[in-house]
C-alpha atoms as a PDB file:
ATOM      1  CA  MET A   1     -14.783 182.219  89.829  1.00  0.00           C
ATOM      2  CA  ARG A   2     -12.534 182.662  86.777  1.00  0.00           C
ATOM      3  CA  LYS A   3     -11.846 178.907  86.817  1.00  0.00           C
ATOM      4  CA  ILE A   4     -15.574 178.184  86.775  1.00  0.00           C
ATOM      5  CA  PHE A   5     -16.194 180.478  83.819  1.00  0.00           C
ATOM      6  CA  ALA A   6     -13.119 179.125  82.043  1.00  0.00           C
ATOM      7  CA  SER A   7     -14.454 175.586  82.384  1.00  0.00           C
ATOM      8  CA  LEU A   8     -17.899 176.445  81.042  1.00  0.00           C
ATOM      9  CA  PRO A   9     -17.019 175.865  77.361  1.00  0.00           C
ATOM     10  CA  TYR A  10     -15.780 172.374  78.216  1.00  0.00           C
ATOM     11  CA  LEU A  11     -18.919 171.615  80.224  1.00  0.00           C
ATOM     12  CA  LEU A  12     -21.084 172.800  77.352  1.00  0.00           C
ATOM     13  CA  LEU A  13     -19.081 170.699  74.898  1.00  0.00           C
ATOM     14  CA  PHE A  14     -19.395 167.627  77.109  1.00  0.00           C
ATOM     15  CA  SER A  15     -23.155 168.153  77.422  1.00  0.00           C
ATOM     16  CA  LEU A  16     -23.481 168.567  73.675  1.00  0.00           C
ATOM     17  CA  LEU A  17     -21.543 165.363  73.038  1.00  0.00           C
ATOM     18  CA  ALA A  18     -23.683 163.491  75.552  1.00  0.00           C
ATOM     19  CA  VAL A  19     -26.893 164.670  73.930  1.00  0.00           C
ATOM     20  CA  THR A  20     -25.529 163.808  70.490  1.00  0.00           C
ATOM     21  CA  ALA A  21     -24.635 160.304  71.686  1.00  0.00           C
ATOM     22  CA  VAL A  22     -28.173 159.777  72.961  1.00  0.00           C
ATOM     23  CA  HIS A  23     -29.680 160.933  69.675  1.00  0.00           C
ATOM     24  CA  ALA A  24     -27.233 158.755  67.757  1.00  0.00           C
ATOM     25  CA  GLU A  25     -28.287 155.602  69.612  1.00  0.00           C
ATOM     26  CA  ASP A  26     -28.932 152.812  67.145  1.00  0.00           C
ATOM     27  CA  ARG A  27     -32.515 152.077  66.180  1.00  0.00           C
ATOM     28  CA  TYR A  28     -33.601 148.694  64.904  1.00  0.00           C
ATOM     29  CA  PHE A  29     -36.345 147.593  62.539  1.00  0.00           C
ATOM     30  CA  PRO A  30     -38.131 144.222  62.368  1.00  0.00           C
ATOM     31  CA  TYR A  31     -37.016 143.242  58.862  1.00  0.00           C
ATOM     32  CA  VAL A  32     -34.285 143.567  56.285  1.00  0.00           C
ATOM     33  CA  LEU A  33     -35.099 143.825  52.593  1.00  0.00           C
ATOM     34  CA  ALA A  34     -32.391 141.812  50.859  1.00  0.00           C
ATOM     35  CA  SER A  35     -33.526 142.425  47.287  1.00  0.00           C
ATOM     36  CA  GLN A  36     -36.467 143.235  45.061  1.00  0.00           C
ATOM     37  CA  GLU A  37     -36.506 142.454  41.369  1.00  0.00           C
ATOM     38  CA  ALA A  38     -38.682 141.332  38.484  1.00  0.00           C
ATOM     39  CA  ALA A  39     -39.025 137.567  38.875  1.00  0.00           C
ATOM     40  CA  THR A  40     -41.279 134.895  40.349  1.00  0.00           C
ATOM     41  CA  VAL A  41     -40.961 133.136  43.693  1.00  0.00           C
ATOM     42  CA  ALA A  42     -40.289 129.874  41.848  1.00  0.00           C
ATOM     43  CA  ASP A  43     -37.457 131.545  39.920  1.00  0.00           C
ATOM     44  CA  LYS A  44     -35.638 132.617  43.087  1.00  0.00           C
ATOM     45  CA  ALA A  45     -36.399 129.990  45.758  1.00  0.00           C
ATOM     46  CA  ASP A  46     -33.599 127.517  44.953  1.00  0.00           C
ATOM     47  CA  ALA A  47     -30.999 130.260  44.599  1.00  0.00           C
ATOM     48  CA  VAL A  48     -31.955 131.703  47.986  1.00  0.00           C
ATOM     49  CA  LYS A  49     -31.653 128.272  49.626  1.00  0.00           C
ATOM     50  CA  GLN A  50     -28.259 127.671  48.062  1.00  0.00           C
ATOM     51  CA  ALA A  51     -26.999 131.094  49.091  1.00  0.00           C
ATOM     52  CA  LEU A  52     -28.105 130.540  52.688  1.00  0.00           C
ATOM     53  CA  MET A  53     -26.483 127.118  52.929  1.00  0.00           C
ATOM     54  CA  ALA A  54     -23.284 128.422  51.329  1.00  0.00           C
ATOM     55  CA  GLY A  55     -23.329 131.169  53.962  1.00  0.00           C
ATOM     56  CA  GLY A  56     -23.269 128.673  56.824  1.00  0.00           C
ATOM     57  CA  PHE A  57     -26.994 128.426  57.524  1.00  0.00           C
ATOM     58  CA  GLU A  58     -29.033 125.271  57.961  1.00  0.00           C
ATOM     59  CA  ILE A  59     -32.537 125.119  56.469  1.00  0.00           C
ATOM     60  CA  ALA A  60     -34.694 124.038  59.415  1.00  0.00           C
ATOM     61  CA  GLY A  61     -37.958 124.097  57.461  1.00  0.00           C
ATOM     62  CA  GLU A  62     -40.022 125.842  54.818  1.00  0.00           C
ATOM     63  CA  TYR A  63     -43.619 126.316  53.731  1.00  0.00           C
ATOM     64  CA  ALA A  64     -45.964 128.349  51.551  1.00  0.00           C
ATOM     65  CA  PRO A  65     -48.644 129.835  53.838  1.00  0.00           C
ATOM     66  CA  TYR A  66     -50.657 131.250  50.931  1.00  0.00           C
ATOM     67  CA  ALA A  67     -50.269 131.984  47.229  1.00  0.00           C
ATOM     68  CA  GLY A  68     -47.305 134.184  46.382  1.00  0.00           C
ATOM     69  CA  ALA A  69     -45.424 133.596  49.647  1.00  0.00           C
ATOM     70  CA  HIS A  70     -42.676 131.112  50.463  1.00  0.00           C
ATOM     71  CA  ILE A  71     -40.906 131.091  53.833  1.00  0.00           C
ATOM     72  CA  LEU A  72     -37.642 129.454  54.848  1.00  0.00           C
ATOM     73  CA  VAL A  73     -36.554 129.195  58.467  1.00  0.00           C
ATOM     74  CA  VAL A  74     -32.820 128.913  58.978  1.00  0.00           C
ATOM     75  CA  THR A  75     -30.542 128.446  61.938  1.00  0.00           C
ATOM     76  CA  SER A  76     -26.798 128.326  62.516  1.00  0.00           C
ATOM     77  CA  ALA A  77     -24.198 127.478  65.138  1.00  0.00           C
ATOM     78  CA  ASP A  78     -24.147 131.125  66.264  1.00  0.00           C
ATOM     79  CA  LEU A  79     -27.935 131.299  66.585  1.00  0.00           C
ATOM     80  CA  LYS A  80     -28.053 128.063  68.575  1.00  0.00           C
ATOM     81  CA  LYS A  81     -25.227 129.280  70.822  1.00  0.00           C
ATOM     82  CA  ALA A  82     -27.140 132.492  71.509  1.00  0.00           C
ATOM     83  CA  ALA A  83     -30.304 130.516  72.233  1.00  0.00           C
ATOM     84  CA  THR A  84     -28.431 128.289  74.686  1.00  0.00           C
ATOM     85  CA  ALA A  85     -27.074 131.300  76.575  1.00  0.00           C
ATOM     86  CA  SER A  86     -30.439 133.036  76.972  1.00  0.00           C
ATOM     87  CA  ASP A  87     -33.531 132.342  79.059  1.00  0.00           C
ATOM     88  CA  PHE A  88     -36.175 131.023  76.662  1.00  0.00           C
ATOM     89  CA  GLY A  89     -33.635 131.744  73.929  1.00  0.00           C
ATOM     90  CA  GLY A  90     -35.231 129.174  71.660  1.00  0.00           C
ATOM     91  CA  TYR A  91     -37.646 131.836  70.462  1.00  0.00           C
ATOM     92  CA  GLY A  92     -34.692 133.462  68.699  1.00  0.00           C
ATOM     93  CA  ALA A  93     -32.989 130.321  67.395  1.00  0.00           C
ATOM     94  CA  GLY A  94     -34.240 130.718  63.841  1.00  0.00           C
ATOM     95  CA  VAL A  95     -34.260 133.481  61.244  1.00  0.00           C
ATOM     96  CA  ARG A  96     -37.303 133.655  58.984  1.00  0.00           C
ATOM     97  CA  VAL A  97     -36.522 134.374  55.319  1.00  0.00           C
ATOM     98  CA  ALA A  98     -39.407 135.110  52.945  1.00  0.00           C
ATOM     99  CA  LEU A  99     -39.920 135.387  49.219  1.00  0.00           C
ATOM    100  CA  THR A 100     -43.079 137.332  48.402  1.00  0.00           C
ATOM    101  CA  GLN A 101     -44.642 137.982  45.028  1.00  0.00           C
ATOM    102  CA  VAL A 102     -45.817 141.592  44.711  1.00  0.00           C
ATOM    103  CA  SER A 103     -47.098 142.196  41.171  1.00  0.00           C
ATOM    104  CA  ASP A 104     -44.185 141.241  38.905  1.00  0.00           C
ATOM    105  CA  GLN A 105     -41.592 141.718  41.648  1.00  0.00           C
ATOM    106  CA  VAL A 106     -40.196 139.272  44.172  1.00  0.00           C
ATOM    107  CA  GLN A 107     -39.267 140.718  47.549  1.00  0.00           C
ATOM    108  CA  ILE A 108     -36.692 138.731  49.523  1.00  0.00           C
ATOM    109  CA  ALA A 109     -36.681 139.758  53.175  1.00  0.00           C
ATOM    110  CA  TYR A 110     -35.679 138.340  56.533  1.00  0.00           C
ATOM    111  CA  THR A 111     -36.092 139.018  60.233  1.00  0.00           C
ATOM    112  CA  ASN A 112     -33.484 141.466  61.493  1.00  0.00           C
ATOM    113  CA  PRO A 113     -31.130 139.612  63.890  1.00  0.00           C
ATOM    114  CA  PHE A 114     -30.481 142.790  65.912  1.00  0.00           C
ATOM    115  CA  TYR A 115     -34.216 143.330  66.403  1.00  0.00           C
ATOM    116  CA  MET A 116     -34.601 139.680  67.450  1.00  0.00           C
ATOM    117  CA  GLN A 117     -31.636 139.915  69.794  1.00  0.00           C
ATOM    118  CA  HIS A 118     -33.136 142.762  71.763  1.00  0.00           C
ATOM    119  CA  ILE A 119     -36.845 142.006  71.628  1.00  0.00           C
ATOM    120  CA  TYR A 120     -36.237 138.386  72.733  1.00  0.00           C
ATOM    121  CA  ARG A 121     -33.739 139.600  75.373  1.00  0.00           C
ATOM    122  CA  MET A 122     -30.921 137.416  74.082  1.00  0.00           C
ATOM    123  CA  LYS A 123     -27.580 137.712  75.856  1.00  0.00           C
ATOM    124  CA  GLU A 124     -25.334 137.039  72.857  1.00  0.00           C
ATOM    125  CA  ASP A 125     -24.470 139.590  70.179  1.00  0.00           C
ATOM    126  CA  LEU A 126     -25.981 138.590  66.815  1.00  0.00           C
ATOM    127  CA  SER A 127     -23.880 140.928  64.677  1.00  0.00           C
ATOM    128  CA  GLY A 128     -22.102 137.926  63.148  1.00  0.00           C
ATOM    129  CA  VAL A 129     -25.453 136.438  62.112  1.00  0.00           C
ATOM    130  CA  ALA A 130     -26.511 139.766  60.607  1.00  0.00           C
ATOM    131  CA  ALA A 131     -23.263 140.008  58.637  1.00  0.00           C
ATOM    132  CA  ALA A 132     -23.588 136.429  57.357  1.00  0.00           C
ATOM    133  CA  LEU A 133     -27.156 137.045  56.178  1.00  0.00           C
ATOM    134  CA  GLU A 134     -26.159 140.258  54.429  1.00  0.00           C
ATOM    135  CA  LYS A 135     -23.274 138.474  52.696  1.00  0.00           C
ATOM    136  CA  ALA A 136     -25.512 135.581  51.628  1.00  0.00           C
ATOM    137  CA  LEU A 137     -28.597 137.489  50.514  1.00  0.00           C
ATOM    138  CA  GLY A 138     -27.684 141.168  50.369  1.00  0.00           C
ATOM    139  CA  LYS A 139     -29.218 144.168  52.068  1.00  0.00           C
ATOM    140  CA  GLN A 140     -31.071 147.098  50.533  1.00  0.00           C
ATOM    141  CA  LYS A 141     -32.726 148.578  53.624  1.00  0.00           C
ATOM    142  CA  ASP A 142     -34.239 147.927  57.011  1.00  0.00           C
ATOM    143  CA  PHE A 143     -38.016 148.206  57.223  1.00  0.00           C
ATOM    144  CA  GLY A 144     -41.111 147.275  59.162  1.00  0.00           C
ATOM    145  CA  MET A 145     -41.860 150.475  61.040  1.00  0.00           C
ATOM    146  CA  GLN A 146     -41.530 154.224  60.671  1.00  0.00           C
ATOM    147  CA  GLU A 147     -38.736 155.135  63.085  1.00  0.00           C
ATOM    148  CA  GLY A 148     -37.256 151.991  64.608  1.00  0.00           C
ATOM    149  CA  LEU A 149     -36.693 151.244  68.294  1.00  0.00           C
ATOM    150  CA  THR A 150     -33.613 151.401  70.499  1.00  0.00           C
ATOM    151  CA  ALA A 151     -32.234 148.313  72.236  1.00  0.00           C
ATOM    152  CA  ARG A 152     -33.676 149.494  75.557  1.00  0.00           C
ATOM    153  CA  LYS A 153     -37.126 150.071  74.085  1.00  0.00           C
ATOM    154  CA  LEU A 154     -37.075 146.681  72.406  1.00  0.00           C
ATOM    155  CA  SER A 155     -36.089 144.870  75.593  1.00  0.00           C
ATOM    156  CA  GLU A 156     -39.200 146.258  77.297  1.00  0.00           C
ATOM    157  CA  TYR A 157     -41.429 146.268  74.228  1.00  0.00           C
ATOM    158  CA  HIS A 158     -45.194 146.086  74.460  1.00  0.00           C
ATOM    159  CA  TYR A 159     -47.751 147.509  72.054  1.00  0.00           C
ATOM    160  CA  MET A 160     -49.418 149.803  74.571  1.00  0.00           C
ATOM    161  CA  PHE A 161     -50.378 150.081  78.231  1.00  0.00           C
ATOM    162  CA  GLY A 162     -51.889 146.859  79.515  1.00  0.00           C
ATOM    163  CA  MET A 163     -50.562 144.742  76.647  1.00  0.00           C
ATOM    164  CA  PRO A 164     -48.156 141.798  77.213  1.00  0.00           C
ATOM    165  CA  TYR A 165     -44.357 141.879  77.235  1.00  0.00           C
ATOM    166  CA  PHE A 166     -41.951 139.194  75.997  1.00  0.00           C
ATOM    167  CA  ASP A 167     -41.930 137.387  79.342  1.00  0.00           C
ATOM    168  CA  ASP A 168     -45.731 137.263  79.485  1.00  0.00           C
ATOM    169  CA  HIS A 169     -45.649 134.208  77.257  1.00  0.00           C
ATOM    170  CA  ILE A 170     -48.355 131.611  77.714  1.00  0.00           C
ATOM    171  CA  GLU A 171     -47.840 128.210  79.279  1.00  0.00           C
ATOM    172  CA  LEU A 172     -50.039 125.925  77.232  1.00  0.00           C
ATOM    173  CA  LEU A 173     -49.503 122.542  78.834  1.00  0.00           C
ATOM    174  CA  ALA A 174     -47.253 120.596  81.195  1.00  0.00           C
ATOM    175  CA  TYR A 175     -46.242 116.984  80.510  1.00  0.00           C
ATOM    176  CA  ALA A 176     -44.605 114.223  82.510  1.00  0.00           C
ATOM    177  CA  ASP A 177     -41.100 115.097  81.309  1.00  0.00           C
ATOM    178  CA  HIS A 178     -39.217 116.747  78.447  1.00  0.00           C
ATOM    179  CA  GLN A 179     -39.255 113.755  76.117  1.00  0.00           C
ATOM    180  CA  SER A 180     -42.976 113.257  76.672  1.00  0.00           C
ATOM    181  CA  ALA A 181     -43.511 116.905  75.799  1.00  0.00           C
ATOM    182  CA  LEU A 182     -41.540 116.583  72.549  1.00  0.00           C
ATOM    183  CA  ASP A 183     -43.313 113.374  71.571  1.00  0.00           C
ATOM    184  CA  LYS A 184     -46.759 114.817  72.183  1.00  0.00           C
ATOM    185  CA  VAL A 185     -46.018 118.040  70.306  1.00  0.00           C
ATOM    186  CA  GLU A 186     -44.613 116.104  67.330  1.00  0.00           C
ATOM    187  CA  SER A 187     -47.587 113.758  67.127  1.00  0.00           C
ATOM    188  CA  GLY A 188     -50.136 116.498  67.768  1.00  0.00           C
ATOM    189  CA  LEU A 189     -48.814 118.753  65.006  1.00  0.00           C
ATOM    190  CA  ALA A 190     -48.634 115.790  62.614  1.00  0.00           C
ATOM    191  CA  ASP A 191     -52.221 114.693  63.262  1.00  0.00           C
ATOM    192  CA  SER A 192     -53.922 118.090  63.347  1.00  0.00           C
ATOM    193  CA  GLU A 193     -55.865 119.550  60.430  1.00  0.00           C
ATOM    194  CA  ALA A 194     -55.859 123.044  61.968  1.00  0.00           C
ATOM    195  CA  VAL A 195     -52.087 123.439  62.401  1.00  0.00           C
ATOM    196  CA  SER A 196     -48.933 121.844  61.014  1.00  0.00           C
ATOM    197  CA  LYS A 197     -45.242 121.673  61.820  1.00  0.00           C
ATOM    198  CA  VAL A 198     -42.918 123.827  59.720  1.00  0.00           C
ATOM    199  CA  TYR A 199     -39.642 123.183  61.543  1.00  0.00           C
ATOM    200  CA  ARG A 200     -38.010 122.081  64.780  1.00  0.00           C
ATOM    201  CA  ILE A 201     -34.753 123.413  66.197  1.00  0.00           C
ATOM    202  CA  ASP A 202     -33.221 121.698  69.230  1.00  0.00           C
ATOM    203  CA  ILE A 203     -31.229 123.993  71.507  1.00  0.00           C
ATOM    204  CA  PRO A 204     -27.867 122.450  72.481  1.00  0.00           C
ATOM    205  CA  GLY A 205     -27.023 121.910  76.120  1.00  0.00           C
ATOM    206  CA  LYS A 206     -30.515 122.433  77.499  1.00  0.00           C
ATOM    207  CA  GLN A 207     -33.915 120.780  77.432  1.00  0.00           C
ATOM    208  CA  GLU A 208     -35.410 123.177  74.933  1.00  0.00           C
ATOM    209  CA  SER A 209     -36.749 122.934  71.383  1.00  0.00           C
ATOM    210  CA  VAL A 210     -38.602 125.445  69.263  1.00  0.00           C
ATOM    211  CA  PHE A 211     -41.196 124.457  66.681  1.00  0.00           C
ATOM    212  CA  GLY A 212     -42.538 126.571  63.864  1.00  0.00           C
ATOM    213  CA  VAL A 213     -46.297 126.182  63.572  1.00  0.00           C
ATOM    214  CA  ALA A 214     -48.424 127.011  60.546  1.00  0.00           C
ATOM    215  CA  ILE A 215     -51.959 128.043  61.521  1.00  0.00           C
ATOM    216  CA  ILE A 216     -54.259 126.700  58.835  1.00  0.00           C
ATOM    217  CA  GLU A 217     -57.766 127.236  60.199  1.00  0.00           C
ATOM    218  CA  GLY A 218     -59.710 129.652  62.382  1.00  0.00           C
ATOM    219  CA  LYS A 219     -59.521 133.353  63.236  1.00  0.00           C
ATOM    220  CA  GLY A 220     -55.783 133.097  63.801  1.00  0.00           C
ATOM    221  CA  ALA A 221     -54.988 131.429  60.466  1.00  0.00           C
ATOM    222  CA  ASP A 222     -51.846 132.713  58.763  1.00  0.00           C
ATOM    223  CA  LYS A 223     -53.718 133.838  55.669  1.00  0.00           C
ATOM    224  CA  THR A 224     -56.437 135.588  57.699  1.00  0.00           C
ATOM    225  CA  VAL A 225     -54.028 137.545  59.904  1.00  0.00           C
ATOM    226  CA  MET A 226     -51.776 138.584  57.039  1.00  0.00           C
ATOM    227  CA  ALA A 227     -54.659 139.647  54.787  1.00  0.00           C
ATOM    228  CA  ALA A 228     -55.696 142.165  57.450  1.00  0.00           C
ATOM    229  CA  THR A 229     -52.282 143.399  58.536  1.00  0.00           C
ATOM    230  CA  ASP A 230     -49.770 143.038  55.702  1.00  0.00           C
ATOM    231  CA  THR A 231     -50.933 145.691  53.263  1.00  0.00           C
ATOM    232  CA  GLY A 232     -47.859 147.918  52.821  1.00  0.00           C
ATOM    233  CA  ASP A 233     -45.580 148.179  49.818  1.00  0.00           C
ATOM    234  CA  LEU A 234     -42.905 146.090  51.570  1.00  0.00           C
ATOM    235  CA  ARG A 235     -44.406 142.885  52.886  1.00  0.00           C
ATOM    236  CA  HIS A 236     -43.928 141.567  56.425  1.00  0.00           C
ATOM    237  CA  THR A 237     -44.107 137.930  55.306  1.00  0.00           C
ATOM    238  CA  PRO A 238     -41.216 136.894  57.641  1.00  0.00           C
ATOM    239  CA  HIS A 239     -43.680 137.402  60.516  1.00  0.00           C
ATOM    240  CA  LEU A 240     -44.641 133.764  59.910  1.00  0.00           C
ATOM    241  CA  PRO A 241     -44.675 131.073  61.230  1.00  0.00           C
ATOM    242  CA  TYR A 242     -45.493 131.194  64.951  1.00  0.00           C
ATOM    243  CA  GLU A 243     -43.162 129.697  67.537  1.00  0.00           C
ATOM    244  CA  LEU A 244     -44.085 126.932  69.971  1.00  0.00           C
ATOM    245  CA  LEU A 245     -41.391 126.458  72.603  1.00  0.00           C
ATOM    246  CA  VAL A 246     -40.901 123.253  74.575  1.00  0.00           C
ATOM    247  CA  SER A 247     -38.754 124.072  77.594  1.00  0.00           C
ATOM    248  CA  GLY A 248     -38.318 121.354  80.182  1.00  0.00           C
ATOM    249  CA  ASN A 249     -41.631 119.551  80.467  1.00  0.00           C
ATOM    250  CA  LYS A 250     -43.775 122.531  79.411  1.00  0.00           C
ATOM    251  CA  ALA A 251     -45.017 123.964  76.120  1.00  0.00           C
ATOM    252  CA  TYR A 252     -45.200 127.738  75.655  1.00  0.00           C
ATOM    253  CA  ILE A 253     -46.131 130.273  73.006  1.00  0.00           C
ATOM    254  CA  LEU A 254     -45.519 133.993  72.934  1.00  0.00           C
ATOM    255  CA  HIS A 255     -48.684 135.912  73.715  1.00  0.00           C
ATOM    256  CA  GLY A 256     -50.403 136.685  70.426  1.00  0.00           C
ATOM    257  CA  LYS A 257     -50.826 140.346  71.345  1.00  0.00           C
ATOM    258  CA  PHE A 258     -47.047 140.569  71.748  1.00  0.00           C
ATOM    259  CA  ARG A 259     -46.059 138.282  68.876  1.00  0.00           C
ATOM    260  CA  ILE A 260     -48.202 140.014  66.275  1.00  0.00           C
ATOM    261  CA  ALA A 261     -47.424 143.520  67.545  1.00  0.00           C
ATOM    262  CA  GLN A 262     -43.651 143.013  67.528  1.00  0.00           C
ATOM    263  CA  SER A 263     -43.903 142.091  63.844  1.00  0.00           C
ATOM    264  CA  PHE A 264     -46.193 145.049  63.045  1.00  0.00           C
ATOM    265  CA  PRO A 265     -45.189 147.709  65.603  1.00  0.00           C
ATOM    266  CA  ASP A 266     -46.830 150.556  63.653  1.00  0.00           C
ATOM    267  CA  LEU A 267     -50.121 148.719  63.303  1.00  0.00           C
ATOM    268  CA  GLY A 268     -53.074 150.998  63.997  1.00  0.00           C
ATOM    269  CA  MET A 269     -55.613 150.038  66.621  1.00  0.00           C
ATOM    270  CA  GLY A 270     -58.319 149.910  63.958  1.00  0.00           C
ATOM    271  CA  THR A 271     -56.415 147.215  62.064  1.00  0.00           C
ATOM    272  CA  PHE A 272     -55.582 145.394  65.281  1.00  0.00           C
ATOM    273  CA  MET A 273     -59.277 145.213  66.070  1.00  0.00           C
ATOM    274  CA  LYS A 274     -59.908 143.447  62.760  1.00  0.00           C
ATOM    275  CA  ILE A 275     -57.900 140.511  64.119  1.00  0.00           C
ATOM    276  CA  SER A 276     -58.938 140.871  67.757  1.00  0.00           C
ATOM    277  CA  GLY A 277     -59.921 137.209  67.832  1.00  0.00           C
ATOM    278  CA  ALA A 278     -56.579 135.979  66.492  1.00  0.00           C
ATOM    279  CA  PRO A 279     -54.476 135.830  69.701  1.00  0.00           C
ATOM    280  CA  ASN A 280     -56.970 133.633  71.571  1.00  0.00           C
ATOM    281  CA  ALA A 281     -57.651 131.561  68.473  1.00  0.00           C
ATOM    282  CA  ILE A 282     -53.935 130.869  67.968  1.00  0.00           C
ATOM    283  CA  GLU A 283     -53.559 129.805  71.591  1.00  0.00           C
ATOM    284  CA  GLU A 284     -56.628 127.570  71.554  1.00  0.00           C
ATOM    285  CA  THR A 285     -55.830 125.993  68.182  1.00  0.00           C
ATOM    286  CA  ILE A 286     -52.264 125.054  69.105  1.00  0.00           C
ATOM    287  CA  LYS A 287     -53.236 123.877  72.581  1.00  0.00           C
ATOM    288  CA  GLU A 288     -55.975 121.644  71.225  1.00  0.00           C
ATOM    289  CA  ALA A 289     -53.547 120.049  68.765  1.00  0.00           C
ATOM    290  CA  ILE A 290     -50.919 119.123  71.360  1.00  0.00           C
ATOM    291  CA  GLN A 291     -53.112 117.968  74.268  1.00  0.00           C
END
């Protein structure tokens, strides 16, 4: 009995440490604010590109979805390696970097590699990518939601009961083979007036490529979705563009109700309802272009 009572302080200490460890579990946010300063997008765009390339990143593509926003999509050897090692890893093969004009300030922000790693269920650690981005562009703070999510919560993320998960992505079309799929997607995006190609990243060692798609027209248009959702002080511009994944002979997109929600996890249902037509519109618009 004395031994039991004597061991109680140690048991209590162990329990306290365990609880503390749980509460100290890292939480991740969708975006990183690199900097914010008085300038214009045009003033900063070239310097951002040069810094990224000097930091070991490759510019896969860029576009201006609407006035006051310019988006670069970059990749690297580490990102491609992680994409190769993961099922449908192409979704995470690029980091989206945005310059956004907010009054007289330019916000430079990018998608958080740790958030991407866990929400896209990637098997490789992206801490090296995160460090390289911070060195190239800087880091003021993480943002994009109130409290952040743990790795476990991100790996099983969905907006609410009945809403899709990461692996509920949509199979748009099947083609004769992988090359036929790539050819049809390339030509379809080039010929369409409703969508356009922003970038393409080929995943080494597997039949997989990810395309960035600008949505120009319809209820799912980039400008329409962002006008309804992106109203905070720090802008979520790196939400764009949408991914189209060619894996094997099939073309996929992430379900719009997952893809939009993972970029705006604190979005209220009232705001979500304002763009209730966007997920289906995005699917239909891309599918029509690549048929």
